[in-house]
Amino acid sequence: MCALSKILLLSLTMAVPAYAAPKTTPSGLPVPRYVSLKFAEVNARGGPGDDYKLLWIYRARGLPLQIVAETYDWRRVCGPDGSLAWVHRRTVDARRTVMRTSAQPLTLHRGANPKSQPAAFLAGHALAGLETCKNGWCRLSAGGVKGWAPENEVWGLSEALQCRPPSPPKAR
């Protein structure tokens, strides 16, 4: 390559502004990702629109859900029980929560270590706020108490899809 070609190529690459990667979702956020329910009652629908069949009503404010697909206004979510449904984007927020899906209580430790003193117990099937995770342990908060738990003991953390891969929405 001649010197003039190298200069021209260098000039062209420097002249192109550095843009963020193209948005792959309408929100520009990655899928899958976790959110929580913003309200105590949220309609779960069979498709992305109010005219789709109402499948059930979520009745748990703060319930963690994994978004597996989205349109501009709707989010296809996977619940802790593996169910799939569509909810409106205004009914979820980015506040992270987790759920103890086992019926057994979970010990919350004072430190991120199984040998640390117990701080509290998270009841079976209970929700907790997620503060941070490190080295396989997560700091949770529930009922004004904070403590550390192994990340594999609660639902709402795995980056893998928690439900079967979503199929595209059906045409109306």
Foldseek 3Di string as FASTA:
>chain_A
DDPVVVVVVVVVVVPDDDDDDDQPALVSDDPFAKWWFQDQWWFFFAFPDPPGHGPDIRRHGGFMWTFHHDHNFWTWTAGPVQDTTITGPVGIDRFAKWFQQAQQWFFFFADQDPPGHTFDIHGHGHMWGWDDDDPQKTWTHDPRTIGIGGPVRIPRDDPDDPYPRDDDGDDD
